[in-house]
Amino acid sequence: MTDINEKICSYITKKWLIPWLQEGKSQNSFAKNHGVEESTIRKIKSEGTYRIPVETLFKICEARKISLSDFFKLINE
């Protein structure tokens, strides 16, 4: 079974952060746009398992205009 934190961080990195960076935007601007610190984004994209706080996930989802329940539906598709 995949660790839920790994699944969350992987989704955020692959589906949201990497496309953002490919548009020529910075990791710092992603963090600011999503209401979190840039160090948090580094932790999310790191290979280690980051235990993402629900408050952090909520902020990111809120900035993306998506509910937490919809986010969990997305990562389970």
PDB file of N, CA and C in Angstrom:
ATOM      1  N   MET A   1       0.844  -1.188   0.000  1.00  0.00           N
ATOM      2  CA  MET A   1       0.000   0.000   0.000  1.00  0.00           C
ATOM      3  C   MET A   1       0.885   1.246   0.000  1.00  0.00           C
ATOM      4  N   THR A   2       0.560   2.194  -0.837  1.00  0.00           N
ATOM      5  CA  THR A   2       1.301   3.440  -0.935  1.00  0.00           C
ATOM      6  C   THR A   2       0.985   4.322   0.271  1.00  0.00           C
ATOM      7  N   ASP A   3       2.013   4.942   0.825  1.00  0.00           N
ATOM      8  CA  ASP A   3       1.835   5.866   1.926  1.00  0.00           C
ATOM      9  C   ASP A   3       1.016   7.072   1.444  1.00  0.00           C
ATOM     10  N   ILE A   4       0.013   7.476   2.212  1.00  0.00           N
ATOM     11  CA  ILE A   4      -0.874   8.561   1.795  1.00  0.00           C
ATOM     12  C   ILE A   4      -0.120   9.876   1.643  1.00  0.00           C
ATOM     13  N   ASN A   5       0.842  10.137   2.528  1.00  0.00           N
ATOM     14  CA  ASN A   5       1.617  11.372   2.413  1.00  0.00           C
ATOM     15  C   ASN A   5       2.418  11.384   1.123  1.00  0.00           C
ATOM     16  N   GLU A   6       2.991  10.244   0.784  1.00  0.00           N
ATOM     17  CA  GLU A   6       3.751  10.129  -0.464  1.00  0.00           C
ATOM     18  C   GLU A   6       2.843  10.364  -1.666  1.00  0.00           C
ATOM     19  N   LYS A   7       1.654   9.818  -1.603  1.00  0.00           N
ATOM     20  CA  LYS A   7       0.688   9.962  -2.692  1.00  0.00           C
ATOM     21  C   LYS A   7       0.265  11.427  -2.858  1.00  0.00           C
ATOM     22  N   ILE A   8       0.014  12.106  -1.752  1.00  0.00           N
ATOM     23  CA  ILE A   8      -0.379  13.516  -1.781  1.00  0.00           C
ATOM     24  C   ILE A   8       0.737  14.372  -2.357  1.00  0.00           C
ATOM     25  N   CYS A   9       1.938  14.188  -1.820  1.00  0.00           N
ATOM     26  CA  CYS A   9       3.083  14.998  -2.265  1.00  0.00           C
ATOM     27  C   CYS A   9       3.423  14.729  -3.726  1.00  0.00           C
ATOM     28  N   SER A  10       3.335  13.489  -4.128  1.00  0.00           N
ATOM     29  CA  SER A  10       3.617  13.128  -5.508  1.00  0.00           C
ATOM     30  C   SER A  10       2.614  13.795  -6.454  1.00  0.00           C
ATOM     31  N   TYR A  11       1.344  13.779  -6.087  1.00  0.00           N
ATOM     32  CA  TYR A  11       0.316  14.405  -6.921  1.00  0.00           C
ATOM     33  C   TYR A  11       0.571  15.908  -7.047  1.00  0.00           C
ATOM     34  N   ILE A  12       0.798  16.571  -5.923  1.00  0.00           N
ATOM     35  CA  ILE A  12       1.034  18.017  -5.945  1.00  0.00           C
ATOM     36  C   ILE A  12       2.237  18.340  -6.818  1.00  0.00           C
ATOM     37  N   THR A  13       3.299  17.558  -6.670  1.00  0.00           N
ATOM     38  CA  THR A  13       4.523  17.797  -7.432  1.00  0.00           C
ATOM     39  C   THR A  13       4.304  17.574  -8.919  1.00  0.00           C
ATOM     40  N   LYS A  14       3.752  16.418  -9.280  1.00  0.00           N
ATOM     41  CA  LYS A  14       3.618  16.052 -10.697  1.00  0.00           C
ATOM     42  C   LYS A  14       2.533  16.827 -11.428  1.00  0.00           C
ATOM     43  N   LYS A  15       1.404  17.047 -10.771  1.00  0.00           N
ATOM     44  CA  LYS A  15       0.262  17.658 -11.459  1.00  0.00           C
ATOM     45  C   LYS A  15       0.198  19.174 -11.343  1.00  0.00           C
ATOM     46  N   TRP A  16       0.770  19.715 -10.285  1.00  0.00           N
ATOM     47  CA  TRP A  16       0.647  21.150 -10.072  1.00  0.00           C
ATOM     48  C   TRP A  16       1.986  21.884 -10.111  1.00  0.00           C
ATOM     49  N   LEU A  17       2.986  21.389  -9.390  1.00  0.00           N
ATOM     50  CA  LEU A  17       4.255  22.110  -9.306  1.00  0.00           C
ATOM     51  C   LEU A  17       5.060  22.030 -10.605  1.00  0.00           C
ATOM     52  N   ILE A  18       5.248  20.848 -11.137  1.00  0.00           N
ATOM     53  CA  ILE A  18       6.056  20.702 -12.360  1.00  0.00           C
ATOM     54  C   ILE A  18       5.460  21.501 -13.521  1.00  0.00           C
ATOM     55  N   PRO A  19       4.144  21.428 -13.786  1.00  0.00           N
ATOM     56  CA  PRO A  19       3.597  22.275 -14.860  1.00  0.00           C
ATOM     57  C   PRO A  19       3.813  23.777 -14.591  1.00  0.00           C
ATOM     58  N   TRP A  20       3.711  24.178 -13.348  1.00  0.00           N
ATOM     59  CA  TRP A  20       3.951  25.575 -12.962  1.00  0.00           C
ATOM     60  C   TRP A  20       5.369  25.981 -13.346  1.00  0.00           C
ATOM     61  N   LEU A  21       6.332  25.122 -12.988  1.00  0.00           N
ATOM     62  CA  LEU A  21       7.736  25.404 -13.288  1.00  0.00           C
ATOM     63  C   LEU A  21       8.001  25.375 -14.794  1.00  0.00           C
ATOM     64  N   GLN A  22       7.319  24.502 -15.509  1.00  0.00           N
ATOM     65  CA  GLN A  22       7.491  24.409 -16.957  1.00  0.00           C
ATOM     66  C   GLN A  22       6.973  25.655 -17.679  1.00  0.00           C
ATOM     67  N   GLU A  23       6.106  26.403 -17.013  1.00  0.00           N
ATOM     68  CA  GLU A  23       5.618  27.668 -17.567  1.00  0.00           C
ATOM     69  C   GLU A  23       6.628  28.797 -17.342  1.00  0.00           C
ATOM     70  N   GLY A  24       7.763  28.461 -16.739  1.00  0.00           N
ATOM     71  CA  GLY A  24       8.796  29.465 -16.488  1.00  0.00           C
ATOM     72  C   GLY A  24       8.618  30.210 -15.182  1.00  0.00           C
ATOM     73  N   LYS A  25       7.697  29.749 -14.362  1.00  0.00           N
ATOM     74  CA  LYS A  25       7.469  30.384 -13.063  1.00  0.00           C
ATOM     75  C   LYS A  25       8.386  29.731 -12.030  1.00  0.00           C
ATOM     76  N   SER A  26       8.575  30.407 -10.918  1.00  0.00           N
ATOM     77  CA  SER A  26       9.489  29.901  -9.892  1.00  0.00           C
ATOM     78  C   SER A  26       8.757  29.083  -8.826  1.00  0.00           C
ATOM     79  N   GLN A  27       9.555  28.301  -8.138  1.00  0.00           N
ATOM     80  CA  GLN A  27       9.036  27.526  -7.014  1.00  0.00           C
ATOM     81  C   GLN A  27       8.571  28.479  -5.911  1.00  0.00           C
ATOM     82  N   ASN A  28       9.289  29.577  -5.735  1.00  0.00           N
ATOM     83  CA  ASN A  28       8.917  30.567  -4.738  1.00  0.00           C
ATOM     84  C   ASN A  28       7.564  31.205  -5.069  1.00  0.00           C
ATOM     85  N   SER A  29       7.327  31.484  -6.353  1.00  0.00           N
ATOM     86  CA  SER A  29       6.039  32.069  -6.731  1.00  0.00           C
ATOM     87  C   SER A  29       4.901  31.066  -6.535  1.00  0.00           C
ATOM     88  N   PHE A  30       5.184  29.779  -6.755  1.00  0.00           N
ATOM     89  CA  PHE A  30       4.184  28.739  -6.490  1.00  0.00           C
ATOM     90  C   PHE A  30       3.809  28.763  -5.008  1.00  0.00           C
ATOM     91  N   ALA A  31       4.822  28.812  -4.160  1.00  0.00           N
ATOM     92  CA  ALA A  31       4.589  28.834  -2.716  1.00  0.00           C
ATOM     93  C   ALA A  31       3.741  30.040  -2.316  1.00  0.00           C
ATOM     94  N   LYS A  32       4.146  31.215  -2.769  1.00  0.00           N
ATOM     95  CA  LYS A  32       3.403  32.435  -2.425  1.00  0.00           C
ATOM     96  C   LYS A  32       1.975  32.384  -2.943  1.00  0.00           C
ATOM     97  N   ASN A  33       1.793  31.903  -4.163  1.00  0.00           N
ATOM     98  CA  ASN A  33       0.470  31.803  -4.770  1.00  0.00           C
ATOM     99  C   ASN A  33      -0.434  30.838  -4.018  1.00  0.00           C
ATOM    100  N   HIS A  34       0.175  29.856  -3.364  1.00  0.00           N
ATOM    101  CA  HIS A  34      -0.595  28.826  -2.675  1.00  0.00           C
ATOM    102  C   HIS A  34      -0.601  28.996  -1.152  1.00  0.00           C
ATOM    103  N   GLY A  35      -0.084  30.123  -0.674  1.00  0.00           N
ATOM    104  CA  GLY A  35      -0.182  30.463   0.749  1.00  0.00           C
ATOM    105  C   GLY A  35       0.696  29.668   1.681  1.00  0.00           C
ATOM    106  N   VAL A  36       1.803  29.144   1.168  1.00  0.00           N
ATOM    107  CA  VAL A  36       2.718  28.367   2.004  1.00  0.00           C
ATOM    108  C   VAL A  36       4.147  28.870   1.813  1.00  0.00           C
ATOM    109  N   GLU A  37       5.023  28.442   2.675  1.00  0.00           N
ATOM    110  CA  GLU A  37       6.432  28.810   2.574  1.00  0.00           C
ATOM    111  C   GLU A  37       7.115  28.004   1.472  1.00  0.00           C
ATOM    112  N   GLU A  38       8.144  28.593   0.883  1.00  0.00           N
ATOM    113  CA  GLU A  38       8.897  27.898  -0.163  1.00  0.00           C
ATOM    114  C   GLU A  38       9.566  26.643   0.402  1.00  0.00           C
ATOM    115  N   SER A  39       9.962  26.677   1.653  1.00  0.00           N
ATOM    116  CA  SER A  39      10.572  25.496   2.287  1.00  0.00           C
ATOM    117  C   SER A  39       9.584  24.334   2.349  1.00  0.00           C
ATOM    118  N   THR A  40       8.310  24.644   2.467  1.00  0.00           N
ATOM    119  CA  THR A  40       7.278  23.601   2.468  1.00  0.00           C
ATOM    120  C   THR A  40       7.204  22.943   1.095  1.00  0.00           C
ATOM    121  N   ILE A  41       7.318  23.737   0.056  1.00  0.00           N
ATOM    122  CA  ILE A  41       7.288  23.185  -1.301  1.00  0.00           C
ATOM    123  C   ILE A  41       8.500  22.287  -1.520  1.00  0.00           C
ATOM    124  N   ARG A  42       9.652  22.682  -1.002  1.00  0.00           N
ATOM    125  CA  ARG A  42      10.850  21.830  -1.100  1.00  0.00           C
ATOM    126  C   ARG A  42      10.602  20.491  -0.415  1.00  0.00           C
ATOM    127  N   LYS A  43       9.964  20.518   0.746  1.00  0.00           N
ATOM    128  CA  LYS A  43       9.663  19.278   1.472  1.00  0.00           C
ATOM    129  C   LYS A  43       8.683  18.417   0.684  1.00  0.00           C
ATOM    130  N   ILE A  44       7.667  19.046   0.083  1.00  0.00           N
ATOM    131  CA  ILE A  44       6.659  18.316  -0.684  1.00  0.00           C
ATOM    132  C   ILE A  44       7.301  17.599  -1.866  1.00  0.00           C
ATOM    133  N   LYS A  45       8.215  18.259  -2.545  1.00  0.00           N
ATOM    134  CA  LYS A  45       8.811  17.655  -3.743  1.00  0.00           C
ATOM    135  C   LYS A  45      10.021  16.771  -3.454  1.00  0.00           C
ATOM    136  N   SER A  46      10.458  16.723  -2.205  1.00  0.00           N
ATOM    137  CA  SER A  46      11.622  15.904  -1.860  1.00  0.00           C
ATOM    138  C   SER A  46      11.280  14.419  -1.953  1.00  0.00           C
ATOM    139  N   GLU A  47      12.316  13.614  -2.106  1.00  0.00           N
ATOM    140  CA  GLU A  47      12.135  12.165  -2.232  1.00  0.00           C
ATOM    141  C   GLU A  47      11.714  11.516  -0.908  1.00  0.00           C
ATOM    142  N   GLY A  48      12.056  12.139   0.204  1.00  0.00           N
ATOM    143  CA  GLY A  48      11.673  11.590   1.506  1.00  0.00           C
ATOM    144  C   GLY A  48      10.190  11.724   1.728  1.00  0.00           C
ATOM    145  N   THR A  49       9.692  11.042   2.717  1.00  0.00           N
ATOM    146  CA  THR A  49       8.260  11.118   3.000  1.00  0.00           C
ATOM    147  C   THR A  49       7.996  12.296   3.921  1.00  0.00           C
ATOM    148  N   TYR A  50       7.368  13.311   3.376  1.00  0.00           N
ATOM    149  CA  TYR A  50       6.973  14.494   4.139  1.00  0.00           C
ATOM    150  C   TYR A  50       5.554  14.272   4.633  1.00  0.00           C
ATOM    151  N   ARG A  51       5.368  14.416   5.922  1.00  0.00           N
ATOM    152  CA  ARG A  51       4.035  14.274   6.510  1.00  0.00           C
ATOM    153  C   ARG A  51       3.332  15.631   6.422  1.00  0.00           C
ATOM    154  N   ILE A  52       2.633  15.821   5.327  1.00  0.00           N
ATOM    155  CA  ILE A  52       2.014  17.120   5.053  1.00  0.00           C
ATOM    156  C   ILE A  52       0.859  17.385   6.019  1.00  0.00           C
ATOM    157  N   PRO A  53       0.918  18.496   6.735  1.00  0.00           N
ATOM    158  CA  PRO A  53      -0.181  18.837   7.644  1.00  0.00           C
ATOM    159  C   PRO A  53      -1.459  19.134   6.861  1.00  0.00           C
ATOM    160  N   VAL A  54      -2.579  18.795   7.446  1.00  0.00           N
ATOM    161  CA  VAL A  54      -3.859  19.024   6.771  1.00  0.00           C
ATOM    162  C   VAL A  54      -4.061  20.518   6.524  1.00  0.00           C
ATOM    163  N   GLU A  55      -3.547  21.369   7.404  1.00  0.00           N
ATOM    164  CA  GLU A  55      -3.665  22.815   7.210  1.00  0.00           C
ATOM    165  C   GLU A  55      -2.940  23.254   5.941  1.00  0.00           C
ATOM    166  N   THR A  56      -1.779  22.677   5.695  1.00  0.00           N
ATOM    167  CA  THR A  56      -1.005  22.996   4.488  1.00  0.00           C
ATOM    168  C   THR A  56      -1.743  22.527   3.247  1.00  0.00           C
ATOM    169  N   LEU A  57      -2.233  21.308   3.302  1.00  0.00           N
ATOM    170  CA  LEU A  57      -2.980  20.774   2.173  1.00  0.00           C
ATOM    171  C   LEU A  57      -4.223  21.610   1.911  1.00  0.00           C
ATOM    172  N   PHE A  58      -4.890  22.039   2.969  1.00  0.00           N
ATOM    173  CA  PHE A  58      -6.082  22.876   2.833  1.00  0.00           C
ATOM    174  C   PHE A  58      -5.742  24.194   2.135  1.00  0.00           C
ATOM    175  N   LYS A  59      -4.630  24.841   2.548  1.00  0.00           N
ATOM    176  CA  LYS A  59      -4.217  26.103   1.928  1.00  0.00           C
ATOM    177  C   LYS A  59      -3.950  25.930   0.433  1.00  0.00           C
ATOM    178  N   ILE A  60      -3.246  24.860   0.093  1.00  0.00           N
ATOM    179  CA  ILE A  60      -2.920  24.607  -1.311  1.00  0.00           C
ATOM    180  C   ILE A  60      -4.195  24.354  -2.112  1.00  0.00           C
ATOM    181  N   CYS A  61      -5.076  23.535  -1.567  1.00  0.00           N
ATOM    182  CA  CYS A  61      -6.336  23.245  -2.260  1.00  0.00           C
ATOM    183  C   CYS A  61      -7.205  24.491  -2.383  1.00  0.00           C
ATOM    184  N   GLU A  62      -7.240  25.296  -1.341  1.00  0.00           N
ATOM    185  CA  GLU A  62      -8.024  26.527  -1.372  1.00  0.00           C
ATOM    186  C   GLU A  62      -7.518  27.459  -2.481  1.00  0.00           C
ATOM    187  N   ALA A  63      -6.199  27.557  -2.611  1.00  0.00           N
ATOM    188  CA  ALA A  63      -5.621  28.400  -3.665  1.00  0.00           C
ATOM    189  C   ALA A  63      -5.950  27.862  -5.053  1.00  0.00           C
ATOM    190  N   ARG A  64      -6.109  26.541  -5.165  1.00  0.00           N
ATOM    191  CA  ARG A  64      -6.434  25.909  -6.445  1.00  0.00           C
ATOM    192  C   ARG A  64      -7.939  25.848  -6.667  1.00  0.00           C
ATOM    193  N   LYS A  65      -8.698  26.368  -5.700  1.00  0.00           N
ATOM    194  CA  LYS A  65     -10.164  26.376  -5.748  1.00  0.00           C
ATOM    195  C   LYS A  65     -10.739  24.957  -5.873  1.00  0.00           C
ATOM    196  N   ILE A  66     -10.217  24.101  -5.007  1.00  0.00           N
ATOM    197  CA  ILE A  66     -10.662  22.712  -4.975  1.00  0.00           C
ATOM    198  C   ILE A  66     -10.863  22.309  -3.515  1.00  0.00           C
ATOM    199  N   SER A  67     -11.904  21.548  -3.258  1.00  0.00           N
ATOM    200  CA  SER A  67     -12.151  21.096  -1.889  1.00  0.00           C
ATOM    201  C   SER A  67     -11.221  19.934  -1.549  1.00  0.00           C
ATOM    202  N   LEU A  68     -11.040  19.714  -0.266  1.00  0.00           N
ATOM    203  CA  LEU A  68     -10.219  18.578   0.154  1.00  0.00           C
ATOM    204  C   LEU A  68     -10.822  17.262  -0.337  1.00  0.00           C
ATOM    205  N   SER A  69     -12.143  17.161  -0.285  1.00  0.00           N
ATOM    206  CA  SER A  69     -12.771  15.917  -0.741  1.00  0.00           C
ATOM    207  C   SER A  69     -12.525  15.691  -2.229  1.00  0.00           C
ATOM    208  N   ASP A  70     -12.586  16.757  -3.025  1.00  0.00           N
ATOM    209  CA  ASP A  70     -12.302  16.616  -4.452  1.00  0.00           C
ATOM    210  C   ASP A  70     -10.831  16.277  -4.690  1.00  0.00           C
ATOM    211  N   PHE A  71      -9.950  16.839  -3.871  1.00  0.00           N
ATOM    212  CA  PHE A  71      -8.531  16.526  -3.993  1.00  0.00           C
ATOM    213  C   PHE A  71      -8.304  15.032  -3.776  1.00  0.00           C
ATOM    214  N   PHE A  72      -8.907  14.484  -2.727  1.00  0.00           N
ATOM    215  CA  PHE A  72      -8.716  13.064  -2.452  1.00  0.00           C
ATOM    216  C   PHE A  72      -9.322  12.175  -3.531  1.00  0.00           C
ATOM    217  N   LYS A  73     -10.375  12.655  -4.171  1.00  0.00           N
ATOM    218  CA  LYS A  73     -10.926  11.923  -5.313  1.00  0.00           C
ATOM    219  C   LYS A  73      -9.910  11.912  -6.457  1.00  0.00           C
ATOM    220  N   LEU A  74      -9.264  13.057  -6.697  1.00  0.00           N
ATOM    221  CA  LEU A  74      -8.274  13.159  -7.767  1.00  0.00           C
ATOM    222  C   LEU A  74      -7.098  12.219  -7.550  1.00  0.00           C
ATOM    223  N   ILE A  75      -6.585  12.168  -6.329  1.00  0.00           N
ATOM    224  CA  ILE A  75      -5.395  11.346  -6.101  1.00  0.00           C
ATOM    225  C   ILE A  75      -5.715   9.858  -6.115  1.00  0.00           C
ATOM    226  N   ASN A  76      -6.989   9.519  -6.047  1.00  0.00           N
ATOM    227  CA  ASN A  76      -7.369   8.106  -6.086  1.00  0.00           C
ATOM    228  C   ASN A  76      -7.854   7.649  -7.450  1.00  0.00           C
ATOM    229  N   GLU A  77      -7.760   8.532  -8.443  1.00  0.00           N
ATOM    230  CA  GLU A  77      -8.188   8.142  -9.802  1.00  0.00           C
ATOM    231  C   GLU A  77      -7.149   7.268 -10.453  1.00  0.00           C
TER     232      GLU A  77
END
